[in-house]
Amino acid sequence: MSPLTFFILALALVCSVLASPINLEKRITHTGRGTWFDVGLGACGKTNVNSDKIVAISSAIYGSGGNCEQWMHITNTANGKSAYGLVRDECPGCGASDIDMSPSLFEELGSLDTGVLKVSWHYENKDFEP
């Protein structure tokens, strides 16, 4: 193999590696208030019941619904309990990093009587399923 042929093959290999998509997960953890609500037909177009593990995200994050059907990992920062919920609704009254949860999801983190929890949360990979 001539040096020129070797150089061309090496250059082609480098270019193909650089052109390949790199799937790096950038996980951002948000902190806010966690509340609960009675679910039904959500902004994502799906109907749920209170026993489903459902999350409504703030209007600031909801946008045009790009996070619908996205799983998130939620932690009660006071007691360390965590659970997974599926984004299926929008919460117009929530602050930017606040979330509203179905009663069954909220109960995995704390008591419904508490009403409000301090939570941290982040989205899981698109192909995640608990």
Protein backbone atom coordinates (compact mmCIF):
# COMPACT_ATOMS: atom_id res chain seq x y z
CA MET A 1 0.00 0.00 0.00
CA SER A 2 1.41 3.34 -0.98
CA PRO A 3 1.73 6.11 1.60
CA LEU A 4 -0.86 8.16 -0.31
CA THR A 5 -3.40 5.31 -0.27
CA PHE A 6 -2.76 4.76 3.45
CA PHE A 7 -3.26 8.48 4.12
CA ILE A 8 -6.53 8.56 2.17
CA LEU A 9 -7.89 5.49 4.02
CA ALA A 10 -6.85 6.93 7.39
CA LEU A 11 -8.46 10.27 6.55
CA ALA A 12 -11.68 8.51 5.45
CA LEU A 13 -11.77 6.58 8.76
CA VAL A 14 -11.28 9.74 10.82
CA CYS A 15 -13.99 11.57 8.86
CA SER A 16 -16.48 8.73 9.30
CA VAL A 17 -15.87 8.67 13.06
CA LEU A 18 -16.29 12.43 13.33
CA ALA A 19 -19.49 12.31 11.25
CA SER A 20 -21.08 9.63 13.45
CA PRO A 21 -23.59 10.97 15.97
CA ILE A 22 -22.40 10.89 19.55
CA ASN A 23 -25.12 10.18 22.07
CA LEU A 24 -24.03 11.96 25.24
CA GLU A 25 -26.64 12.25 27.94
CA LYS A 26 -26.72 15.61 29.65
CA ARG A 27 -28.77 15.10 32.78
CA ILE A 28 -29.89 18.31 34.43
CA THR A 29 -31.35 18.03 37.91
CA HIS A 30 -34.09 20.50 38.74
CA THR A 31 -35.25 21.44 42.23
CA GLY A 32 -38.70 22.76 43.04
CA ARG A 33 -42.02 22.17 44.71
CA GLY A 34 -43.90 18.91 44.26
CA THR A 35 -47.67 18.91 44.67
CA TRP A 36 -50.46 16.49 43.73
CA PHE A 37 -53.63 16.69 41.66
CA ASP A 38 -56.46 14.44 40.50
CA VAL A 39 -55.56 13.30 37.00
CA GLY A 40 -57.81 12.79 33.98
CA LEU A 41 -57.38 13.88 30.37
CA GLY A 42 -53.97 15.58 30.30
CA ALA A 43 -52.48 18.16 27.98
CA CYS A 44 -50.52 15.38 26.23
CA GLY A 45 -53.84 13.93 25.00
CA LYS A 46 -53.88 10.82 27.21
CA THR A 47 -56.44 9.94 29.88
CA ASN A 48 -55.11 8.61 33.17
CA VAL A 49 -56.39 7.60 36.58
CA ASN A 50 -55.05 8.54 40.02
CA SER A 51 -53.29 5.16 40.40
CA ASP A 52 -51.08 5.91 37.34
CA LYS A 53 -47.67 7.46 38.04
CA ILE A 54 -48.29 10.76 36.23
CA VAL A 55 -46.48 14.10 36.25
CA ALA A 56 -47.63 17.52 35.07
CA ILE A 57 -44.76 19.90 34.27
CA SER A 58 -44.80 23.68 34.36
CA SER A 59 -45.99 25.63 31.34
CA ALA A 60 -42.49 27.13 31.12
CA ILE A 61 -41.07 23.66 30.41
CA TYR A 62 -44.10 22.12 28.69
CA GLY A 63 -43.89 24.42 25.66
CA SER A 64 -45.47 22.54 22.76
CA GLY A 65 -45.45 19.18 24.56
CA GLY A 66 -42.01 17.96 23.56
CA ASN A 67 -41.55 16.23 26.94
CA CYS A 68 -44.82 14.27 26.78
CA GLU A 69 -44.30 10.53 27.39
CA GLN A 70 -40.93 11.28 29.02
CA TRP A 71 -40.08 9.44 32.25
CA MET A 72 -38.58 11.40 35.09
CA HIS A 73 -36.89 10.36 38.32
CA ILE A 74 -38.19 12.33 41.30
CA THR A 75 -36.68 12.51 44.80
CA ASN A 76 -38.18 13.97 47.96
CA THR A 77 -35.17 15.95 49.21
CA ALA A 78 -36.40 15.83 52.84
CA ASN A 79 -36.57 12.04 53.23
CA GLY A 80 -34.60 10.71 50.24
CA LYS A 81 -37.51 8.64 48.87
CA SER A 82 -37.61 8.48 45.08
CA ALA A 83 -39.98 7.31 42.36
CA TYR A 84 -40.53 7.45 38.61
CA GLY A 85 -43.32 9.33 36.88
CA LEU A 86 -44.44 9.79 33.29
CA VAL A 87 -45.06 13.29 31.88
CA ARG A 88 -48.63 13.41 30.63
CA ASP A 89 -49.87 16.88 31.57
CA GLU A 90 -49.10 20.56 31.92
CA CYS A 91 -49.26 22.52 35.18
CA PRO A 92 -50.11 26.18 34.40
CA GLY A 93 -49.89 27.17 38.09
CA CYS A 94 -46.45 25.62 38.67
CA GLY A 95 -43.19 27.54 38.87
CA ALA A 96 -40.58 26.67 36.23
CA SER A 97 -39.06 23.71 38.15
CA ASP A 98 -42.18 22.68 40.06
CA ILE A 99 -44.11 19.51 39.26
CA ASP A 100 -47.61 18.29 39.98
CA MET A 101 -48.04 14.53 40.53
CA SER A 102 -50.83 11.99 40.58
CA PRO A 103 -51.83 10.96 44.13
CA SER A 104 -50.25 7.50 43.79
CA LEU A 105 -46.92 8.97 42.69
CA PHE A 106 -46.97 11.64 45.40
CA GLU A 107 -47.64 8.95 48.04
CA GLU A 108 -44.44 7.13 47.03
CA LEU A 109 -42.56 10.24 48.14
CA GLY A 110 -44.62 11.50 51.08
CA SER A 111 -48.08 11.81 52.60
CA LEU A 112 -50.94 13.44 50.69
CA ASP A 113 -51.70 15.35 53.90
CA THR A 114 -48.38 17.17 53.50
CA GLY A 115 -49.61 18.64 50.23
CA VAL A 116 -46.26 20.12 49.17
CA LEU A 117 -42.82 18.51 49.03
CA LYS A 118 -39.42 19.87 48.10
CA VAL A 119 -38.30 17.67 45.22
CA SER A 120 -35.44 17.25 42.81
CA TRP A 121 -36.03 15.62 39.44
CA HIS A 122 -34.46 14.85 36.10
CA TYR A 123 -35.57 13.26 32.86
CA GLU A 124 -34.49 9.73 32.02
CA ASN A 125 -33.28 8.58 28.59
CA LYS A 126 -36.04 8.49 25.97
CA ASP A 127 -35.98 4.68 25.88
CA PHE A 128 -36.20 4.30 29.69
CA GLU A 129 -39.08 2.37 31.21
CA PRO A 130 -39.20 1.45 34.92
